[in-house]
Amino acid sequence: MSSSTGLGFDTVFDGSRLTSKDWNDAAGDPLKSFGYEYETSGLMSGDSVDANERAFAWNDNGALASVDQDPLAWDGRLLTSTGVRDLAYDAATGRLSQAAKGSDTTSYQYDAQGNRTKSVDGSTETSYAWNGLNQLTKLDDTTFSYGADGIRTKVGSAVQNYGQDLKLLSDGETKYLWAPNGSLLAQAPLNSNSEADTQQAVTDALGSVHSVLDDQLSSVGEYSYTVFGERTLTAGANVSSIGFASEQHDDSGLVYLRYRYLDPAVGQFISVDPLVSMTLDPYGYADGNPLQMTDPLGLFSWGWEDTDNLTGGIGSVAGVIGLGATILAFTPIGAPIVGALALAVTVTTVAGVVTSAYTAARTCRSDQIPTPDCGGSVLGIGLGAVSFTKPLATSWKLATSGDSTIRASHQAVQGVAGALPLVNDFGNRAIKGAHTC
């Protein structure tokens, strides 16, 4: 793949596993190289960025256990974040109460819904305010606004525009161009149409931006990250807001993932998962595997790397169905009560099927799981996909009706409709994977 400036990359796969992604200029000279190694299970055993290598180990539950020699401890929740922060939890609520890094300790407070309301690090205090929909509306002096579909529309006075795929198109200062897989391709000043002002992104397998290049392919920004997305290097004249997994970094250090905010310093979200009854993980990110999983909606983990295997295929389908149910759940915001009730009924129906399919699919992580269990999960996903079309049709009818107060849900439904081809694609992969059980 190459651009008009000659920037391009070559990829090498071992089966379905990406082993290298090498960026080069028009002459073929290397600019940045990413390498990946895997265990037989498919979990990543190591990666490299140019000459900088990391080694990974995993526990029996498939959660990341160490990065190089730094251990990550788990008790179902993350206890040690990237080997440098020790995390403590409130015994009564199970919520993160402290994060200690050497002699530096940060404490956290929450409201009754489980939203973080305050963090205190020595003499530095950060406050968080939330609305009745559990949306972050203020962080210290910065305010946030949201649309009827639950997606952020403003940071302070800066307007943010999103496409039907829920990727950021502009943020008040910069406009963005995206690859089909969701990785950042390029960015430019909002009001400029000059190719000379266009900057191109160099991304890894996860989509994280490691370099931003000008029109001469000279670096204007360099970045690196912990496994949970905290920036450990920000160098150069350009400070791109798009970083870890091609997601948006706020000035606060949080990563905005549509329906929730990730705190990469502690490897978890700052509010409860709206789909916690399905995921059974109120604050966790990426199901313990931030190297190969992402969570672009802040709702459930999504495996982008190895979707030909059973876990990836079935998990992805369950994710797509969950996406539909969740967006539809957010759609009635600001609409008449009758619209909300109509959607709530169909969402509840789909959510029940999705939960069953997702739970069954998770049991297929082991090769010892009998074929009927795997087949049952595929069947459940098929039923979920069929049921998924019913609320979609209902919502579409409401959204395109003459009632302008309901029309606000139109954009959200278009986003769901765009996910339907993925249901078909990942459904085929899941069925193929089931034969390996």
Protein backbone atom coordinates (compact mmCIF):
# COMPACT_ATOMS: atom_id res chain seq x y z
CA MET A 1 0.00 0.00 0.00
CA SER A 2 1.33 3.48 -0.87
CA SER A 3 0.17 7.12 -0.93
CA SER A 4 0.66 9.94 -3.43
CA THR A 5 3.78 11.04 -1.53
CA GLY A 6 5.31 7.58 -1.84
CA LEU A 7 4.70 6.60 1.77
CA GLY A 8 3.73 2.95 1.93
CA PHE A 9 3.99 -0.23 3.94
CA ASP A 10 4.53 -3.92 3.30
CA THR A 11 2.99 -6.63 5.46
CA VAL A 12 3.94 -10.26 6.01
CA PHE A 13 1.56 -12.85 7.44
CA ASP A 14 2.06 -16.32 8.84
CA GLY A 15 -1.33 -17.76 8.07
CA SER A 16 -3.71 -15.13 9.42
CA ARG A 17 -1.18 -13.67 11.87
CA LEU A 18 0.60 -10.44 11.02
CA THR A 19 4.35 -10.87 11.59
CA SER A 20 5.67 -7.60 10.16
CA LYS A 21 4.51 -4.20 8.98
CA ASP A 22 7.31 -2.20 7.38
CA TRP A 23 6.85 1.44 6.36
CA ASN A 24 9.00 2.85 3.55
CA ASP A 25 9.32 5.83 1.22
CA ALA A 26 8.98 5.97 -2.57
CA ALA A 27 12.51 4.62 -3.04
CA GLY A 28 11.80 1.68 -0.75
CA ASP A 29 14.00 3.03 2.03
CA PRO A 30 12.72 2.02 5.49
CA LEU A 31 11.05 4.58 7.73
CA LYS A 32 9.72 2.41 10.58
CA SER A 33 9.32 -1.32 11.09
CA PHE A 34 6.99 -3.28 13.35
CA GLY A 35 7.46 -6.97 14.10
CA TYR A 36 5.26 -9.53 15.90
CA GLU A 37 5.76 -13.04 17.29
CA TYR A 38 3.13 -15.41 18.65
CA GLU A 39 2.65 -18.41 20.89
CA THR A 40 0.99 -21.48 19.40
CA SER A 41 -2.22 -20.33 21.09
CA GLY A 42 -2.18 -17.18 18.97
CA LEU A 43 -1.34 -14.86 21.86
CA MET A 44 1.44 -12.40 21.09
CA SER A 45 4.78 -13.41 22.62
CA GLY A 46 6.76 -10.37 21.50
CA ASP A 47 6.78 -7.24 19.40
CA SER A 48 9.29 -4.73 18.13
CA VAL A 49 9.40 -1.15 16.89
CA ASP A 50 12.59 -0.85 14.86
CA ALA A 51 15.30 -2.14 17.25
CA ASN A 52 13.20 -1.82 20.41
CA GLU A 53 11.84 -5.21 21.43
CA ARG A 54 9.38 -6.35 24.08
CA ALA A 55 8.56 -9.83 25.35
CA PHE A 56 5.17 -10.88 26.73
CA ALA A 57 3.86 -13.69 28.91
CA TRP A 58 0.28 -14.71 29.62
CA ASN A 59 -1.58 -16.35 32.48
CA ASP A 60 -3.87 -19.37 32.20
CA ASN A 61 -6.88 -17.12 31.62
CA GLY A 62 -5.33 -15.49 28.57
CA ALA A 63 -4.60 -12.21 30.35
CA LEU A 64 -1.31 -10.39 29.92
CA ALA A 65 0.99 -11.48 32.78
CA SER A 66 4.22 -9.61 32.02
CA VAL A 67 5.80 -7.05 29.73
CA ASP A 68 9.51 -7.82 29.47
CA GLN A 69 10.27 -8.64 33.11
CA ASP A 70 7.60 -6.41 34.64
CA PRO A 71 4.72 -8.50 36.01
CA LEU A 72 1.04 -7.69 35.69
CA ALA A 73 -1.04 -9.23 38.47
CA TRP A 74 -4.73 -10.09 38.22
CA ASP A 75 -7.50 -11.37 40.48
CA GLY A 76 -10.06 -11.00 37.71
CA ARG A 77 -9.22 -7.29 37.93
CA LEU A 78 -5.91 -5.66 37.09
CA LEU A 79 -3.79 -5.37 40.25
CA THR A 80 -0.52 -4.16 38.76
CA SER A 81 -0.62 -1.86 35.75
CA THR A 82 2.32 -2.35 33.35
CA GLY A 83 4.54 -3.30 36.26
CA VAL A 84 4.84 0.20 37.75
CA ARG A 85 1.51 0.98 39.42
CA ASP A 86 0.00 -1.14 42.19
CA LEU A 87 -3.79 -0.93 42.18
CA ALA A 88 -6.02 -1.31 45.23
CA TYR A 89 -9.79 -1.78 45.26
CA ASP A 90 -12.55 -0.93 47.71
CA ALA A 91 -13.70 -4.16 49.36
CA ALA A 92 -17.35 -3.12 49.45
CA THR A 93 -17.79 -1.75 45.91
CA GLY A 94 -14.96 -3.46 44.01
CA ARG A 95 -13.98 -0.11 42.50
CA LEU A 96 -10.42 1.15 42.10
CA SER A 97 -9.56 3.17 45.19
CA GLN A 98 -5.80 3.78 44.84
CA ALA A 99 -2.98 3.55 42.32
CA ALA A 100 0.53 3.66 43.76
CA LYS A 101 3.70 4.33 41.78
CA GLY A 102 6.65 4.34 44.13
CA SER A 103 5.90 6.96 46.77
CA ASP A 104 3.29 8.63 44.55
CA THR A 105 -0.28 7.53 45.33
CA THR A 106 -3.46 8.59 43.54
CA SER A 107 -6.83 8.00 45.20
CA TYR A 108 -10.23 7.84 43.49
CA GLN A 109 -13.84 8.58 44.45
CA TYR A 110 -17.12 7.64 42.73
CA ASP A 111 -20.81 8.47 42.68
CA ALA A 112 -23.58 5.95 43.32
CA GLN A 113 -23.61 4.89 39.64
CA GLY A 114 -19.92 4.04 39.70
CA ASN A 115 -18.69 7.09 37.78
CA ARG A 116 -15.35 8.52 38.89
CA THR A 117 -15.95 11.91 40.52
CA LYS A 118 -12.53 12.80 41.92
CA SER A 119 -8.89 11.78 41.77
CA VAL A 120 -6.31 13.12 44.19
CA ASP A 121 -2.57 12.88 43.55
CA GLY A 122 -0.74 14.67 46.34
CA SER A 123 -1.81 18.29 46.10
CA THR A 124 -3.33 17.83 42.63
CA GLU A 125 -7.07 17.23 42.61
CA THR A 126 -9.11 16.44 39.49
CA SER A 127 -12.90 16.62 39.51
CA TYR A 128 -15.36 14.89 37.17
CA ALA A 129 -19.04 15.77 36.64
CA TRP A 130 -21.67 13.51 35.04
CA ASN A 131 -25.22 13.87 33.76
CA GLY A 132 -28.15 11.53 34.30
CA LEU A 133 -27.10 9.43 31.29
CA ASN A 134 -23.71 8.69 32.89
CA GLN A 135 -21.93 10.90 30.35
CA LEU A 136 -18.88 12.88 31.46
CA THR A 137 -19.90 16.53 31.16
CA LYS A 138 -17.00 18.29 32.87
CA LEU A 139 -13.42 17.49 33.84
CA ASP A 140 -12.02 20.33 35.94
CA ASP A 141 -12.69 23.36 33.70
CA THR A 142 -13.23 21.45 30.44
CA THR A 143 -16.83 20.78 29.40
CA PHE A 144 -18.15 18.04 27.11
CA SER A 145 -21.38 17.93 25.08
CA TYR A 146 -23.07 14.95 23.40
CA GLY A 147 -25.58 14.33 20.63
CA ALA A 148 -28.79 12.32 20.67
CA ASP A 149 -26.82 9.19 19.73
CA GLY A 150 -24.55 9.56 22.79
CA ILE A 151 -21.48 10.55 20.76
CA ARG A 152 -19.44 13.58 21.82
CA THR A 153 -20.13 16.77 19.87
CA LYS A 154 -18.05 19.38 21.70
CA VAL A 155 -14.97 19.69 23.87
CA GLY A 156 -15.29 23.14 25.38
CA SER A 157 -16.32 25.29 22.42
CA ALA A 158 -14.58 23.09 19.83
CA VAL A 159 -17.06 21.19 17.67
CA GLN A 160 -16.35 17.52 16.95
CA ASN A 161 -17.85 15.83 13.89
CA TYR A 162 -18.09 12.06 13.43
CA GLY A 163 -18.84 9.96 10.37
CA GLN A 164 -21.33 7.13 10.10
CA ASP A 165 -18.58 4.74 11.20
CA LEU A 166 -18.17 6.87 14.37
CA LYS A 167 -14.65 7.94 13.39
CA LEU A 168 -13.67 11.54 14.12
CA LEU A 169 -13.82 13.70 10.97
CA SER A 170 -12.82 17.01 12.55
CA ASP A 171 -12.27 18.47 16.01
CA GLY A 172 -12.40 22.24 15.51
CA GLU A 173 -8.77 22.55 14.45
CA THR A 174 -7.90 19.42 12.48
CA LYS A 175 -9.62 17.17 9.95
CA TYR A 176 -8.85 13.45 9.68
CA LEU A 177 -8.79 10.73 7.04
CA TRP A 178 -9.16 7.06 8.00
CA ALA A 179 -8.26 3.68 6.53
CA PRO A 180 -11.02 1.07 6.13
CA ASN A 181 -9.70 -0.79 9.20
CA GLY A 182 -10.11 2.32 11.36
CA SER A 183 -6.44 3.37 11.50
CA LEU A 184 -5.52 7.01 10.97
CA LEU A 185 -4.23 7.73 7.45
CA ALA A 186 -3.71 11.48 7.45
CA GLN A 187 -4.61 14.76 9.09
CA ALA A 188 -4.59 18.41 8.02
CA PRO A 189 -5.61 21.82 9.37
CA LEU A 190 -9.38 22.14 9.24
CA ASN A 191 -9.51 25.03 6.78
CA SER A 192 -6.63 23.96 4.53
CA ASN A 193 -6.91 22.13 1.21
CA SER A 194 -3.18 22.27 0.50
CA GLU A 195 -1.37 18.97 0.06
CA ALA A 196 1.66 20.61 1.65
CA ASP A 197 -0.28 20.89 4.91
CA THR A 198 -1.30 17.23 4.94
CA GLN A 199 0.43 15.02 7.49
CA GLN A 200 0.45 11.24 7.22
CA ALA A 201 0.36 8.73 10.06
CA VAL A 202 2.61 5.71 10.59
CA THR A 203 0.65 3.11 12.54
CA ASP A 204 1.30 -0.33 14.03
CA ALA A 205 -0.89 -3.45 13.85
CA LEU A 206 -3.23 -2.14 16.54
CA GLY A 207 -3.57 1.19 14.74
CA SER A 208 -1.52 3.18 17.27
CA VAL A 209 0.13 6.24 15.74
CA HIS A 210 3.92 6.12 16.18
CA SER A 211 4.95 8.86 13.72
CA VAL A 212 3.37 11.81 11.95
CA LEU A 213 5.12 12.81 8.71
CA ASP A 214 4.92 15.99 6.64
CA ASP A 215 4.57 16.12 2.85
CA GLN A 216 8.32 15.45 2.48
CA LEU A 217 8.02 12.39 4.75
CA SER A 218 10.02 14.08 7.49
CA SER A 219 8.90 13.33 11.02
CA VAL A 220 7.03 16.09 12.84
CA GLY A 221 5.83 13.88 15.69
CA GLU A 222 7.01 10.68 17.42
CA TYR A 223 5.04 8.69 19.99
CA SER A 224 5.25 5.52 22.05
CA TYR A 225 2.83 3.88 24.47
CA THR A 226 2.43 1.49 27.34
CA VAL A 227 0.38 -1.62 26.58
CA PHE A 228 -2.74 0.16 27.88
CA GLY A 229 -2.17 3.28 25.80
CA GLU A 230 -0.47 5.77 28.11
CA ARG A 231 1.91 7.89 26.07
CA THR A 232 5.50 7.44 27.21
CA LEU A 233 7.03 9.52 24.41
CA THR A 234 5.68 12.64 22.74
CA ALA A 235 8.33 14.35 20.65
CA GLY A 236 8.40 16.78 17.74
CA ALA A 237 6.57 19.91 16.67
CA ASN A 238 3.29 18.08 16.11
CA VAL A 239 1.26 16.76 19.03
CA SER A 240 -1.45 14.64 17.41
CA SER A 241 -4.58 14.01 19.46
CA ILE A 242 -4.95 10.64 17.69
CA GLY A 243 -2.74 8.01 19.27
CA PHE A 244 -3.29 4.64 20.94
CA ALA A 245 -5.27 2.30 18.65
CA SER A 246 -5.96 5.39 16.48
CA GLU A 247 -8.18 6.81 19.21
CA GLN A 248 -8.45 10.32 20.57
CA HIS A 249 -6.30 11.42 23.52
CA ASP A 250 -7.73 14.27 25.57
CA ASP A 251 -5.54 16.84 27.30
CA SER A 252 -6.44 15.15 30.60
CA GLY A 253 -4.63 11.97 29.52
CA LEU A 254 -7.89 10.05 29.09
CA VAL A 255 -8.64 8.27 25.81
CA TYR A 256 -12.13 8.94 24.44
CA LEU A 257 -13.81 5.72 23.26
CA ARG A 258 -17.30 6.99 22.31
CA TYR A 259 -19.44 5.72 25.16
CA ARG A 260 -16.74 5.70 27.83
CA TYR A 261 -13.34 7.16 28.69
CA LEU A 262 -10.27 4.97 29.22
CA ASP A 263 -7.68 5.92 31.82
CA PRO A 264 -4.55 4.32 30.31
CA ALA A 265 -2.49 5.02 33.42
CA VAL A 266 -4.46 2.36 35.31
CA GLY A 267 -5.63 0.28 32.33
CA GLN A 268 -9.36 0.68 32.93
CA PHE A 269 -12.39 2.86 32.26
CA ILE A 270 -13.61 5.60 34.59
CA SER A 271 -17.27 4.53 34.45
CA VAL A 272 -19.24 1.28 34.42
CA ASP A 273 -19.77 -0.61 31.16
CA PRO A 274 -23.38 -0.08 29.96
CA LEU A 275 -23.21 -3.74 28.84
CA VAL A 276 -21.83 -5.05 32.13
CA SER A 277 -24.57 -7.69 32.33
CA MET A 278 -23.09 -9.16 29.15
CA THR A 279 -19.37 -8.52 29.61
CA LEU A 280 -19.37 -9.11 33.41
CA ASP A 281 -16.51 -6.60 33.62
CA PRO A 282 -17.58 -3.14 34.83
CA TYR A 283 -14.31 -1.26 34.30
CA GLY A 284 -11.84 -3.56 32.52
CA TYR A 285 -10.32 -2.87 29.10
CA ALA A 286 -9.73 -5.36 26.26
CA ASP A 287 -10.44 -8.52 28.25
CA GLY A 288 -6.88 -8.58 29.60
CA ASN A 289 -5.30 -8.47 26.13
CA PRO A 290 -4.60 -4.85 25.12
CA LEU A 291 -2.03 -6.04 22.56
CA GLN A 292 -4.52 -7.73 20.24
CA MET A 293 -7.91 -6.45 21.38
CA THR A 294 -9.46 -3.00 21.19
CA ASP A 295 -12.65 -1.42 22.48
CA PRO A 296 -13.54 1.38 20.06
CA LEU A 297 -16.97 1.99 21.59
CA GLY A 298 -16.05 1.56 25.24
CA LEU A 299 -18.57 -1.28 25.43
CA PHE A 300 -16.90 -4.62 24.63
CA SER A 301 -13.56 -6.00 23.46
CA TRP A 302 -13.00 -6.52 19.77
CA GLY A 303 -10.29 -8.80 18.33
CA TRP A 304 -8.92 -7.26 15.12
CA GLU A 305 -5.91 -9.49 14.66
CA ASP A 306 -6.89 -13.12 14.32
CA THR A 307 -10.56 -13.26 13.41
CA ASP A 308 -10.16 -16.56 11.54
CA ASN A 309 -9.85 -18.44 14.83
CA LEU A 310 -12.89 -19.42 16.84
CA THR A 311 -12.57 -16.89 19.62
CA GLY A 312 -11.94 -14.01 17.24
CA GLY A 313 -14.71 -14.95 14.85
CA ILE A 314 -17.41 -15.59 17.41
CA GLY A 315 -16.33 -12.74 19.65
CA SER A 316 -16.44 -10.33 16.74
CA VAL A 317 -19.96 -11.35 15.72
CA ALA A 318 -21.17 -11.02 19.30
CA GLY A 319 -19.52 -7.62 19.35
CA VAL A 320 -21.29 -6.44 16.22
CA ILE A 321 -24.66 -7.54 17.57
CA GLY A 322 -23.88 -5.87 20.87
CA LEU A 323 -23.00 -2.73 18.92
CA GLY A 324 -26.43 -2.71 17.34
CA ALA A 325 -28.25 -3.26 20.61
CA THR A 326 -26.23 -0.62 22.41
CA ILE A 327 -26.53 2.12 19.80
CA LEU A 328 -30.25 1.46 19.64
CA ALA A 329 -30.38 1.74 23.42
CA PHE A 330 -28.82 5.18 23.19
CA THR A 331 -30.94 6.25 20.21
CA PRO A 332 -34.12 7.28 22.11
CA ILE A 333 -32.26 9.99 24.04
CA GLY A 334 -34.25 13.17 23.54
CA ALA A 335 -37.00 11.38 21.58
CA PRO A 336 -40.64 11.05 22.68
CA ILE A 337 -41.48 8.43 25.28
CA VAL A 338 -43.35 6.34 22.72
CA GLY A 339 -40.18 6.05 20.61
CA ALA A 340 -38.13 5.11 23.65
CA LEU A 341 -40.57 2.41 24.67
CA ALA A 342 -40.71 0.93 21.18
CA LEU A 343 -36.95 0.70 20.99
CA ALA A 344 -36.55 -0.52 24.57
CA VAL A 345 -38.69 -3.58 23.88
CA THR A 346 -36.70 -4.62 20.82
CA VAL A 347 -33.35 -3.82 22.44
CA THR A 348 -34.22 -5.98 25.45
CA THR A 349 -35.09 -8.88 23.16
CA VAL A 350 -31.82 -8.66 21.26
CA ALA A 351 -29.77 -8.14 24.42
CA GLY A 352 -31.02 -11.45 25.83
CA VAL A 353 -29.99 -13.37 22.72
CA VAL A 354 -26.67 -11.54 22.53
CA THR A 355 -25.82 -12.27 26.15
CA SER A 356 -26.43 -16.00 25.66
CA ALA A 357 -24.37 -16.09 22.48
CA TYR A 358 -21.53 -14.10 24.01
CA THR A 359 -21.39 -16.27 27.12
CA ALA A 360 -21.38 -19.47 25.07
CA ALA A 361 -18.69 -18.09 22.79
CA ARG A 362 -16.37 -17.32 25.71
CA THR A 363 -16.43 -20.99 26.74
CA CYS A 364 -14.84 -21.91 23.40
CA ARG A 365 -11.44 -20.48 24.35
CA SER A 366 -10.12 -23.93 25.21
CA ASP A 367 -9.50 -26.69 22.69
CA GLN A 368 -11.06 -29.10 25.20
CA ILE A 369 -14.52 -27.55 24.82
CA PRO A 370 -16.88 -30.04 23.11
CA THR A 371 -18.12 -29.28 19.62
CA PRO A 372 -21.80 -28.91 20.72
CA ASP A 373 -20.90 -25.96 22.94
CA CYS A 374 -19.11 -24.20 20.10
CA GLY A 375 -21.91 -25.00 17.70
CA GLY A 376 -24.40 -23.65 20.19
CA SER A 377 -22.61 -20.35 20.37
CA VAL A 378 -22.63 -20.03 16.59
CA LEU A 379 -26.35 -20.83 16.55
CA GLY A 380 -26.98 -18.24 19.24
CA ILE A 381 -25.11 -15.64 17.22
CA GLY A 382 -27.15 -16.51 14.15
CA LEU A 383 -30.37 -16.02 16.10
CA GLY A 384 -29.01 -12.76 17.44
CA ALA A 385 -28.21 -11.51 13.95
CA VAL A 386 -31.75 -12.30 12.80
CA SER A 387 -33.30 -10.58 15.82
CA PHE A 388 -30.93 -7.66 15.30
CA THR A 389 -32.69 -6.72 12.06
CA LYS A 390 -36.03 -6.23 13.83
CA PRO A 391 -35.05 -3.30 16.08
CA LEU A 392 -33.01 -1.92 13.19
CA ALA A 393 -36.11 -1.77 11.01
CA THR A 394 -38.22 -0.35 13.82
CA SER A 395 -35.67 2.31 14.64
CA TRP A 396 -35.20 3.22 10.98
CA LYS A 397 -38.95 3.70 10.56
CA LEU A 398 -39.06 5.98 13.58
CA ALA A 399 -35.95 7.88 12.55
CA THR A 400 -37.20 8.63 9.05
CA SER A 401 -40.76 9.47 10.08
CA GLY A 402 -42.22 12.95 9.79
CA ASP A 403 -41.69 13.63 13.48
CA SER A 404 -38.61 15.85 13.61
CA THR A 405 -38.11 15.10 17.31
CA ILE A 406 -37.41 11.47 16.45
CA ARG A 407 -35.31 12.24 13.40
CA ALA A 408 -32.27 12.80 15.65
CA SER A 409 -31.80 9.03 15.84
CA HIS A 410 -31.25 8.81 12.07
CA GLN A 411 -27.46 9.17 12.25
CA ALA A 412 -27.12 6.48 14.92
CA VAL A 413 -29.20 4.03 12.92
CA GLN A 414 -27.11 4.69 9.81
CA GLY A 415 -24.07 3.70 11.83
CA VAL A 416 -25.73 0.43 12.82
CA ALA A 417 -26.72 -0.25 9.22
CA GLY A 418 -23.09 0.17 8.23
CA ALA A 419 -22.18 -2.67 10.59
CA LEU A 420 -24.42 -5.22 8.89
CA PRO A 421 -21.80 -6.28 6.28
CA LEU A 422 -19.48 -7.06 9.20
CA VAL A 423 -22.11 -9.38 10.68
CA ASN A 424 -22.09 -11.41 7.47
CA ASP A 425 -18.29 -11.42 7.16
CA PHE A 426 -17.53 -12.37 10.76
CA GLY A 427 -20.45 -14.80 10.79
CA ASN A 428 -18.80 -16.76 7.99
CA ARG A 429 -15.51 -16.70 9.90
CA ALA A 430 -17.21 -17.90 13.08
CA ILE A 431 -18.86 -20.83 11.33
CA LYS A 432 -15.53 -21.73 9.74
CA GLY A 433 -13.86 -21.53 13.13
CA ALA A 434 -16.46 -23.75 14.80
CA HIS A 435 -15.25 -26.70 12.75
CA THR A 436 -11.91 -26.51 14.58
CA CYS A 437 -13.48 -27.19 18.00
